[in-house]
Amino acid sequence: MCSNSRKRVEEDYDEVFVVEHALEAIRELSQELDATATE
């Protein structure tokens, strides 16, 4: 049971990591778009 709950926490952490990584990529993309738009 304990290992099962730990596995679930790891899965949730993976999802959070993926979401944060995606947000970071979107932020970088929007910055590049802003840079090209101002040129």
N, C-alpha and C. Protein backbone atom coordinates (compact mmCIF):
# COMPACT_ATOMS: atom_id res chain seq x y z
N MET A 1 0.84 -1.20 0.00
CA MET A 1 0.00 0.00 0.00
C MET A 1 0.87 1.25 0.00
N CYS A 2 1.90 1.22 0.81
CA CYS A 2 2.77 2.40 0.91
C CYS A 2 3.47 2.65 -0.43
N SER A 3 3.99 1.58 -1.03
CA SER A 3 4.67 1.74 -2.31
C SER A 3 3.69 2.19 -3.39
N ASN A 4 2.43 1.78 -3.26
CA ASN A 4 1.42 2.15 -4.25
C ASN A 4 1.17 3.65 -4.19
N SER A 5 1.04 4.20 -2.98
CA SER A 5 0.79 5.64 -2.85
C SER A 5 2.02 6.41 -3.33
N ARG A 6 3.20 5.87 -3.08
CA ARG A 6 4.42 6.54 -3.54
C ARG A 6 4.44 6.59 -5.07
N LYS A 7 4.02 5.49 -5.70
CA LYS A 7 3.98 5.45 -7.16
C LYS A 7 3.03 6.53 -7.69
N ARG A 8 1.90 6.69 -7.02
CA ARG A 8 0.91 7.69 -7.46
C ARG A 8 1.52 9.09 -7.32
N VAL A 9 2.24 9.34 -6.26
CA VAL A 9 2.86 10.65 -6.07
C VAL A 9 3.87 10.91 -7.18
N GLU A 10 4.65 9.88 -7.53
CA GLU A 10 5.63 10.06 -8.60
C GLU A 10 4.93 10.38 -9.92
N GLU A 11 3.80 9.74 -10.18
CA GLU A 11 3.06 10.01 -11.41
C GLU A 11 2.56 11.45 -11.42
N ASP A 12 2.03 11.90 -10.28
CA ASP A 12 1.56 13.29 -10.19
C ASP A 12 2.72 14.24 -10.41
N TYR A 13 3.88 13.92 -9.83
CA TYR A 13 5.04 14.78 -9.98
C TYR A 13 5.47 14.85 -11.44
N ASP A 14 5.41 13.72 -12.13
CA ASP A 14 5.76 13.71 -13.56
C ASP A 14 4.83 14.63 -14.33
N GLU A 15 3.53 14.58 -14.01
CA GLU A 15 2.57 15.44 -14.71
C GLU A 15 2.89 16.90 -14.45
N VAL A 16 3.19 17.24 -13.21
CA VAL A 16 3.52 18.63 -12.86
C VAL A 16 4.77 19.06 -13.62
N PHE A 17 5.77 18.16 -13.70
CA PHE A 17 7.00 18.48 -14.40
C PHE A 17 6.73 18.76 -15.87
N VAL A 18 5.89 17.93 -16.47
CA VAL A 18 5.56 18.11 -17.90
C VAL A 18 4.85 19.44 -18.11
N VAL A 19 3.91 19.76 -17.23
CA VAL A 19 3.16 21.01 -17.37
C VAL A 19 4.09 22.20 -17.21
N GLU A 20 4.95 22.18 -16.19
CA GLU A 20 5.88 23.29 -15.99
C GLU A 20 6.81 23.43 -17.19
N HIS A 21 7.27 22.30 -17.73
CA HIS A 21 8.17 22.33 -18.88
C HIS A 21 7.46 22.95 -20.08
N ALA A 22 6.19 22.59 -20.26
CA ALA A 22 5.41 23.13 -21.38
C ALA A 22 5.21 24.63 -21.20
N LEU A 23 4.89 25.06 -19.99
CA LEU A 23 4.70 26.50 -19.74
C LEU A 23 5.99 27.25 -20.02
N GLU A 24 7.12 26.67 -19.63
CA GLU A 24 8.41 27.32 -19.87
C GLU A 24 8.66 27.46 -21.37
N ALA A 25 8.37 26.41 -22.13
CA ALA A 25 8.57 26.45 -23.58
C ALA A 25 7.66 27.49 -24.21
N ILE A 26 6.41 27.57 -23.74
CA ILE A 26 5.47 28.56 -24.29
C ILE A 26 5.97 29.96 -23.98
N ARG A 27 6.49 30.17 -22.77
CA ARG A 27 7.00 31.48 -22.40
C ARG A 27 8.16 31.88 -23.32
N GLU A 28 9.07 30.94 -23.58
CA GLU A 28 10.20 31.23 -24.47
C GLU A 28 9.70 31.55 -25.87
N LEU A 29 8.72 30.79 -26.34
CA LEU A 29 8.17 31.03 -27.68
C LEU A 29 7.55 32.41 -27.77
N SER A 30 6.77 32.79 -26.76
CA SER A 30 6.10 34.10 -26.79
C SER A 30 7.15 35.21 -26.75
N GLN A 31 8.25 35.01 -26.04
CA GLN A 31 9.31 36.02 -26.00
C GLN A 31 9.94 36.16 -27.38
N GLU A 32 10.16 35.03 -28.06
CA GLU A 32 10.73 35.08 -29.41
C GLU A 32 9.77 35.78 -30.36
N LEU A 33 8.48 35.50 -30.23
CA LEU A 33 7.48 36.15 -31.08
C LEU A 33 7.48 37.65 -30.83
N ASP A 34 7.55 38.05 -29.57
CA ASP A 34 7.59 39.48 -29.25
C ASP A 34 8.83 40.12 -29.87
N ALA A 35 9.96 39.43 -29.81
CA ALA A 35 11.20 39.97 -30.35
C ALA A 35 11.08 40.15 -31.87
N THR A 36 10.52 39.18 -32.55
CA THR A 36 10.40 39.28 -34.01
C THR A 36 9.35 40.31 -34.38
N ALA A 37 8.34 40.50 -33.55
CA ALA A 37 7.28 41.46 -33.86
C ALA A 37 7.78 42.89 -33.72
N THR A 38 8.72 43.12 -32.79
CA THR A 38 9.21 44.48 -32.57
C THR A 38 10.29 44.86 -33.56
N GLU A 39 10.88 43.87 -34.25
CA GLU A 39 11.95 44.19 -35.20
C GLU A 39 11.41 44.92 -36.42
